[in-house]
PDB file of all heavy atoms in Angstrom:
ATOM      1  N   LYS A   1     -19.993  97.234 -99.025  1.00  0.00           N
ATOM      2  CA  LYS A   1     -19.561  96.443 -97.867  1.00  0.00           C
ATOM      3  C   LYS A   1     -18.964  95.067 -98.275  1.00  0.00           C
ATOM      4  O   LYS A   1     -18.731  94.284 -97.376  1.00  0.00           O
ATOM      5  CB  LYS A   1     -20.717  96.263 -96.904  1.00  0.00           C
ATOM      6  CG  LYS A   1     -21.287  97.544 -96.315  1.00  0.00           C
ATOM      7  CD  LYS A   1     -22.402  97.242 -95.318  1.00  0.00           C
ATOM      8  CE  LYS A   1     -22.891  98.541 -94.691  1.00  0.00           C
ATOM      9  NZ  LYS A   1     -23.996  98.283 -93.708  1.00  0.00           N
ATOM     10  N   GLY A   2     -18.780  94.851 -99.555  1.00  0.00           N
ATOM     11  CA  GLY A   2     -18.279  93.541 -99.959  1.00  0.00           C
ATOM     12  C   GLY A   2     -19.201  92.457 -99.478  1.00  0.00           C
ATOM     13  O   GLY A   2     -18.836  91.508 -98.718  1.00  0.00           O
ATOM     14  N   ASP A   3     -20.463  92.498 -99.938  1.00  0.00           N
ATOM     15  CA  ASP A   3     -21.521  91.606 -99.454  1.00  0.00           C
ATOM     16  C   ASP A   3     -21.339  90.185-100.031  1.00  0.00           C
ATOM     17  O   ASP A   3     -21.879  89.902-101.075  1.00  0.00           O
ATOM     18  CB  ASP A   3     -22.869  92.218 -99.820  1.00  0.00           C
ATOM     19  CG  ASP A   3     -24.024  91.495 -99.122  1.00  0.00           C
ATOM     20  OD1 ASP A   3     -23.813  90.377 -98.603  1.00  0.00           O
ATOM     21  OD2 ASP A   3     -25.135  92.065 -99.076  1.00  0.00           O
ATOM     22  N   ASN A   4     -20.591  89.349 -99.305  1.00  0.00           N
ATOM     23  CA  ASN A   4     -20.305  88.028 -99.819  1.00  0.00           C
ATOM     24  C   ASN A   4     -21.565  87.152 -99.933  1.00  0.00           C
ATOM     25  O   ASN A   4     -21.642  86.307-100.801  1.00  0.00           O
ATOM     26  CB  ASN A   4     -19.272  87.320 -98.933  1.00  0.00           C
ATOM     27  CG  ASN A   4     -17.889  87.941 -98.995  1.00  0.00           C
ATOM     28  OD1 ASN A   4     -17.553  88.453-100.085  1.00  0.00           O
ATOM     29  ND2 ASN A   4     -17.140  87.900 -97.931  1.00  0.00           N
ATOM     30  N   ALA A   5     -22.508  87.357 -98.999  1.00  0.00           N
ATOM     31  CA  ALA A   5     -23.725  86.536 -99.041  1.00  0.00           C
ATOM     32  C   ALA A   5     -24.473  86.745-100.336  1.00  0.00           C
ATOM     33  O   ALA A   5     -24.955  85.851-100.974  1.00  0.00           O
ATOM     34  CB  ALA A   5     -24.618  86.882 -97.830  1.00  0.00           C
ATOM     35  N   ALA A   6     -24.583  88.037-100.774  1.00  0.00           N
ATOM     36  CA  ALA A   6     -25.280  88.366-102.031  1.00  0.00           C
ATOM     37  C   ALA A   6     -24.576  87.840-103.235  1.00  0.00           C
ATOM     38  O   ALA A   6     -25.141  87.309-104.184  1.00  0.00           O
ATOM     39  CB  ALA A   6     -25.498  89.889-102.114  1.00  0.00           C
ATOM     40  N   ILE A   7     -23.210  87.972-103.192  1.00  0.00           N
ATOM     41  CA  ILE A   7     -22.372  87.477-104.307  1.00  0.00           C
ATOM     42  C   ILE A   7     -22.540  85.965-104.431  1.00  0.00           C
ATOM     43  O   ILE A   7     -22.734  85.421-105.520  1.00  0.00           O
ATOM     44  CB  ILE A   7     -20.859  87.805-104.083  1.00  0.00           C
ATOM     45  CG1 ILE A   7     -20.704  89.341-104.113  1.00  0.00           C
ATOM     46  CG2 ILE A   7     -20.013  87.136-105.115  1.00  0.00           C
ATOM     47  CD1 ILE A   7     -20.872  89.981-105.455  1.00  0.00           C
ATOM     48  N   GLU A   8     -22.467  85.287-103.324  1.00  0.00           N
ATOM     49  CA  GLU A   8     -22.594  83.810-103.325  1.00  0.00           C
ATOM     50  C   GLU A   8     -24.009  83.351-103.792  1.00  0.00           C
ATOM     51  O   GLU A   8     -24.182  82.351-104.430  1.00  0.00           O
ATOM     52  CB  GLU A   8     -22.249  83.188-101.967  1.00  0.00           C
ATOM     53  CG  GLU A   8     -20.770  83.379-101.654  1.00  0.00           C
ATOM     54  CD  GLU A   8     -20.450  82.984-100.191  1.00  0.00           C
ATOM     55  OE1 GLU A   8     -21.404  82.536 -99.452  1.00  0.00           O
ATOM     56  OE2 GLU A   8     -19.315  83.129 -99.780  1.00  0.00           O
ATOM     57  N   TYR A   9     -25.003  84.158-103.357  1.00  0.00           N
ATOM     58  CA  TYR A   9     -26.388  83.863-103.810  1.00  0.00           C
ATOM     59  C   TYR A   9     -26.497  84.020-105.303  1.00  0.00           C
ATOM     60  O   TYR A   9     -27.159  83.240-105.978  1.00  0.00           O
ATOM     61  CB  TYR A   9     -27.367  84.741-103.064  1.00  0.00           C
ATOM     62  CG  TYR A   9     -28.806  84.407-103.346  1.00  0.00           C
ATOM     63  CD1 TYR A   9     -29.416  83.279-102.807  1.00  0.00           C
ATOM     64  CD2 TYR A   9     -29.602  85.199-104.163  1.00  0.00           C
ATOM     65  CE1 TYR A   9     -30.727  82.955-103.050  1.00  0.00           C
ATOM     66  CE2 TYR A   9     -30.944  84.922-104.398  1.00  0.00           C
ATOM     67  CZ  TYR A   9     -31.499  83.801-103.848  1.00  0.00           C
ATOM     68  OH  TYR A   9     -32.816  83.454-104.096  1.00  0.00           O
ATOM     69  N   GLY A  10     -25.881  85.041-105.828  1.00  0.00           N
ATOM     70  CA  GLY A  10     -25.873  85.270-107.289  1.00  0.00           C
ATOM     71  C   GLY A  10     -25.228  84.077-108.004  1.00  0.00           C
ATOM     72  O   GLY A  10     -25.737  83.626-109.037  1.00  0.00           O
ATOM     73  N   GLU A  11     -24.198  83.587-107.441  1.00  0.00           N
ATOM     74  CA  GLU A  11     -23.501  82.416-108.032  1.00  0.00           C
ATOM     75  C   GLU A  11     -24.452  81.184-107.980  1.00  0.00           C
ATOM     76  O   GLU A  11     -24.511  80.390-108.941  1.00  0.00           O
ATOM     77  CB  GLU A  11     -22.205  82.125-107.300  1.00  0.00           C
ATOM     78  CG  GLU A  11     -21.148  83.219-107.434  1.00  0.00           C
ATOM     79  CD  GLU A  11     -19.958  82.952-106.534  1.00  0.00           C
ATOM     80  OE1 GLU A  11     -19.839  81.883-105.910  1.00  0.00           O
ATOM     81  OE2 GLU A  11     -19.121  83.890-106.430  1.00  0.00           O
ATOM     82  N   LYS A  12     -25.183  81.076-106.837  1.00  0.00           N
ATOM     83  CA  LYS A  12     -26.115  79.941-106.677  1.00  0.00           C
ATOM     84  C   LYS A  12     -27.161  80.007-107.764  1.00  0.00           C
ATOM     85  O   LYS A  12     -27.571  78.983-108.368  1.00  0.00           O
ATOM     86  CB  LYS A  12     -26.697  79.971-105.291  1.00  0.00           C
ATOM     87  CG  LYS A  12     -27.586  78.762-104.941  1.00  0.00           C
ATOM     88  CD  LYS A  12     -28.365  79.035-103.665  1.00  0.00           C
ATOM     89  CE  LYS A  12     -27.459  79.170-102.469  1.00  0.00           C
ATOM     90  NZ  LYS A  12     -26.888  77.884-102.038  1.00  0.00           N
ATOM     91  N   ILE A  13     -27.706  81.210-107.983  1.00  0.00           N
ATOM     92  CA  ILE A  13     -28.767  81.387-108.994  1.00  0.00           C
ATOM     93  C   ILE A  13     -28.321  80.876-110.370  1.00  0.00           C
ATOM     94  O   ILE A  13     -28.993  80.135-111.038  1.00  0.00           O
ATOM     95  CB  ILE A  13     -29.123  82.917-109.112  1.00  0.00           C
ATOM     96  CG1 ILE A  13     -29.904  83.347-107.865  1.00  0.00           C
ATOM     97  CG2 ILE A  13     -29.969  83.195-110.370  1.00  0.00           C
ATOM     98  CD1 ILE A  13     -30.036  84.873-107.734  1.00  0.00           C
ATOM     99  N   ILE A  14     -27.137  81.294-110.765  1.00  0.00           N
ATOM    100  CA  ILE A  14     -26.585  80.923-112.055  1.00  0.00           C
ATOM    101  C   ILE A  14     -26.248  79.429-112.141  1.00  0.00           C
ATOM    102  O   ILE A  14     -26.611  78.787-113.124  1.00  0.00           O
ATOM    103  CB  ILE A  14     -25.346  81.776-112.435  1.00  0.00           C
ATOM    104  CG1 ILE A  14     -25.789  83.233-112.487  1.00  0.00           C
ATOM    105  CG2 ILE A  14     -24.733  81.311-113.695  1.00  0.00           C
ATOM    106  CD1 ILE A  14     -24.633  84.193-112.407  1.00  0.00           C
ATOM    107  N   ASN A  15     -25.626  78.948-111.078  1.00  0.00           N
ATOM    108  CA  ASN A  15     -25.246  77.507-111.114  1.00  0.00           C
ATOM    109  C   ASN A  15     -26.409  76.585-111.086  1.00  0.00           C
ATOM    110  O   ASN A  15     -26.313  75.410-111.493  1.00  0.00           O
ATOM    111  CB  ASN A  15     -24.346  77.247-109.937  1.00  0.00           C
ATOM    112  CG  ASN A  15     -22.900  77.803-110.136  1.00  0.00           C
ATOM    113  OD1 ASN A  15     -22.455  77.909-111.251  1.00  0.00           O
ATOM    114  ND2 ASN A  15     -22.228  78.191-109.067  1.00  0.00           N
ATOM    115  N   GLU A  16     -27.559  77.060-110.663  1.00  0.00           N
ATOM    116  CA  GLU A  16     -28.781  76.252-110.630  1.00  0.00           C
ATOM    117  C   GLU A  16     -29.587  76.409-111.902  1.00  0.00           C
ATOM    118  O   GLU A  16     -30.738  75.879-111.973  1.00  0.00           O
ATOM    119  CB  GLU A  16     -29.642  76.555-109.405  1.00  0.00           C
ATOM    120  CG  GLU A  16     -28.967  76.083-108.087  1.00  0.00           C
ATOM    121  CD  GLU A  16     -29.896  76.263-106.891  1.00  0.00           C
ATOM    122  OE1 GLU A  16     -31.083  76.568-107.041  1.00  0.00           O
ATOM    123  OE2 GLU A  16     -29.381  76.038-105.761  1.00  0.00           O
ATOM    124  N   GLY A  17     -29.074  77.160-112.898  1.00  0.00           N
ATOM    125  CA  GLY A  17     -29.715  77.254-114.174  1.00  0.00           C
ATOM    126  C   GLY A  17     -30.657  78.445-114.369  1.00  0.00           C
ATOM    127  O   GLY A  17     -31.367  78.498-115.316  1.00  0.00           O
ATOM    128  N   HIS A  18     -30.654  79.351-113.408  1.00  0.00           N
ATOM    129  CA  HIS A  18     -31.510  80.538-113.530  1.00  0.00           C
ATOM    130  C   HIS A  18     -30.665  81.682-114.131  1.00  0.00           C
ATOM    131  O   HIS A  18     -29.502  81.554-114.376  1.00  0.00           O
ATOM    132  CB  HIS A  18     -32.039  80.931-112.166  1.00  0.00           C
ATOM    133  CG  HIS A  18     -32.725  79.832-111.426  1.00  0.00           C
ATOM    134  ND1 HIS A  18     -33.902  79.239-111.876  1.00  0.00           N
ATOM    135  CD2 HIS A  18     -32.351  79.143-110.299  1.00  0.00           C
ATOM    136  CE1 HIS A  18     -34.215  78.282-111.022  1.00  0.00           C
ATOM    137  NE2 HIS A  18     -33.289  78.172-110.079  1.00  0.00           N
ATOM    138  N   VAL A  19     -31.361  82.859-114.348  1.00  0.00           N
ATOM    139  CA  VAL A  19     -30.628  83.978-114.893  1.00  0.00           C
ATOM    140  C   VAL A  19     -30.683  85.119-113.893  1.00  0.00           C
ATOM    141  O   VAL A  19     -31.709  85.523-113.390  1.00  0.00           O
ATOM    142  CB  VAL A  19     -31.321  84.445-116.208  1.00  0.00           C
ATOM    143  CG1 VAL A  19     -30.595  85.699-116.783  1.00  0.00           C
ATOM    144  CG2 VAL A  19     -31.271  83.346-117.264  1.00  0.00           C
ATOM    145  N   MET A  20     -29.473  85.669-113.629  1.00  0.00           N
ATOM    146  CA  MET A  20     -29.357  86.765-112.704  1.00  0.00           C
ATOM    147  C   MET A  20     -29.234  88.037-113.494  1.00  0.00           C
ATOM    148  O   MET A  20     -28.640  88.065-114.586  1.00  0.00           O
ATOM    149  CB  MET A  20     -28.111  86.585-111.837  1.00  0.00           C
ATOM    150  CG  MET A  20     -27.870  87.651-110.843  1.00  0.00           C
ATOM    151  SD  MET A  20     -26.250  87.534-110.110  1.00  0.00           S
ATOM    152  CE  MET A  20     -25.809  89.250-109.939  1.00  0.00           C
ATOM    153  N   ALA A  21     -29.734  89.163-112.940  1.00  0.00           N
ATOM    154  CA  ALA A  21     -29.611  90.467-113.554  1.00  0.00           C
ATOM    155  C   ALA A  21     -28.965  91.394-112.557  1.00  0.00           C
ATOM    156  O   ALA A  21     -29.219  91.386-111.370  1.00  0.00           O
ATOM    157  CB  ALA A  21     -30.989  91.008-114.012  1.00  0.00           C
ATOM    158  N   ILE A  22     -28.084  92.328-113.094  1.00  0.00           N
ATOM    159  CA  ILE A  22     -27.376  93.226-112.210  1.00  0.00           C
ATOM    160  C   ILE A  22     -27.125  94.562-112.938  1.00  0.00           C
ATOM    161  O   ILE A  22     -27.052  94.558-114.162  1.00  0.00           O
ATOM    162  CB  ILE A  22     -26.043  92.569-111.814  1.00  0.00           C
ATOM    163  CG1 ILE A  22     -25.251  93.500-110.790  1.00  0.00           C
ATOM    164  CG2 ILE A  22     -25.127  92.325-113.025  1.00  0.00           C
ATOM    165  CD1 ILE A  22     -24.032  92.815-110.210  1.00  0.00           C
ATOM    166  N   CYS A  23     -27.104  95.632-112.200  1.00  0.00           N
ATOM    167  CA  CYS A  23     -26.700  96.911-112.781  1.00  0.00           C
ATOM    168  C   CYS A  23     -25.232  97.125-112.392  1.00  0.00           C
ATOM    169  O   CYS A  23     -24.941  97.375-111.194  1.00  0.00           O
ATOM    170  CB  CYS A  23     -27.536  98.058-112.180  1.00  0.00           C
ATOM    171  SG  CYS A  23     -29.289  97.993-112.660  1.00  0.00           S
ATOM    172  N   PRO A  24     -24.330  96.954-113.328  1.00  0.00           N
ATOM    173  CA  PRO A  24     -22.872  97.000-112.971  1.00  0.00           C
ATOM    174  C   PRO A  24     -22.418  98.271-112.328  1.00  0.00           C
ATOM    175  O   PRO A  24     -21.466  98.288-111.562  1.00  0.00           O
ATOM    176  CB  PRO A  24     -22.219  96.818-114.360  1.00  0.00           C
ATOM    177  CG  PRO A  24     -23.223  96.065-115.177  1.00  0.00           C
ATOM    178  CD  PRO A  24     -24.534  96.604-114.708  1.00  0.00           C
ATOM    179  N   GLU A  25     -23.135  99.397-112.613  1.00  0.00           N
ATOM    180  CA  GLU A  25     -22.721 100.664-112.040  1.00  0.00           C
ATOM    181  C   GLU A  25     -22.933 100.741-110.527  1.00  0.00           C
ATOM    182  O   GLU A  25     -22.321 101.522-109.847  1.00  0.00           O
ATOM    183  CB  GLU A  25     -23.521 101.811-112.689  1.00  0.00           C
ATOM    184  CG  GLU A  25     -23.265 101.923-114.187  1.00  0.00           C
ATOM    185  CD  GLU A  25     -24.494 102.404-114.944  1.00  0.00           C
ATOM    186  OE1 GLU A  25     -25.530 101.687-114.874  1.00  0.00           O
ATOM    187  OE2 GLU A  25     -24.435 103.414-115.594  1.00  0.00           O
ATOM    188  N   GLY A  26     -23.865  99.900-110.046  1.00  0.00           N
ATOM    189  CA  GLY A  26     -24.120  99.865-108.591  1.00  0.00           C
ATOM    190  C   GLY A  26     -25.117 100.880-108.118  1.00  0.00           C
ATOM    191  O   GLY A  26     -25.923 100.609-107.254  1.00  0.00           O
ATOM    192  N   ARG A  27     -25.118 102.048-108.704  1.00  0.00           N
ATOM    193  CA  ARG A  27     -26.015 103.115-108.351  1.00  0.00           C
ATOM    194  C   ARG A  27     -26.715 103.676-109.568  1.00  0.00           C
ATOM    195  O   ARG A  27     -26.181 103.607-110.671  1.00  0.00           O
ATOM    196  CB  ARG A  27     -25.289 104.239-107.590  1.00  0.00           C
ATOM    197  CG  ARG A  27     -24.714 103.794-106.240  1.00  0.00           C
ATOM    198  CD  ARG A  27     -23.954 104.931-105.592  1.00  0.00           C
ATOM    199  NE  ARG A  27     -23.383 104.506-104.333  1.00  0.00           N
ATOM    200  CZ  ARG A  27     -23.983 104.536-103.148  1.00  0.00           C
ATOM    201  NH1 ARG A  27     -25.227 104.984-103.142  1.00  0.00           N
ATOM    202  NH2 ARG A  27     -23.403 104.166-102.059  1.00  0.00           N
ATOM    203  N   ARG A  28     -27.828 104.328-109.336  1.00  0.00           N
ATOM    204  CA  ARG A  28     -28.563 104.967-110.426  1.00  0.00           C
ATOM    205  C   ARG A  28     -27.701 106.103-111.029  1.00  0.00           C
ATOM    206  O   ARG A  28     -27.036 106.876-110.294  1.00  0.00           O
ATOM    207  CB  ARG A  28     -29.887 105.536-109.937  1.00  0.00           C
ATOM    208  CG  ARG A  28     -30.772 105.956-111.069  1.00  0.00           C
ATOM    209  CD  ARG A  28     -32.119 106.409-110.473  1.00  0.00           C
ATOM    210  NE  ARG A  28     -32.771 105.368-109.649  1.00  0.00           N
ATOM    211  CZ  ARG A  28     -33.917 105.490-109.035  1.00  0.00           C
ATOM    212  NH1 ARG A  28     -34.587 106.669-109.100  1.00  0.00           N
ATOM    213  NH2 ARG A  28     -34.434 104.523-108.309  1.00  0.00           N
TER     214      ARG A  28
END
């Protein structure tokens, strides 16, 4: 759905000095 809120939150995590983890494939 192009979840901008989640994308922007991920950016916030990184910009505040934390580490974000993601599964690039999106699905199992």
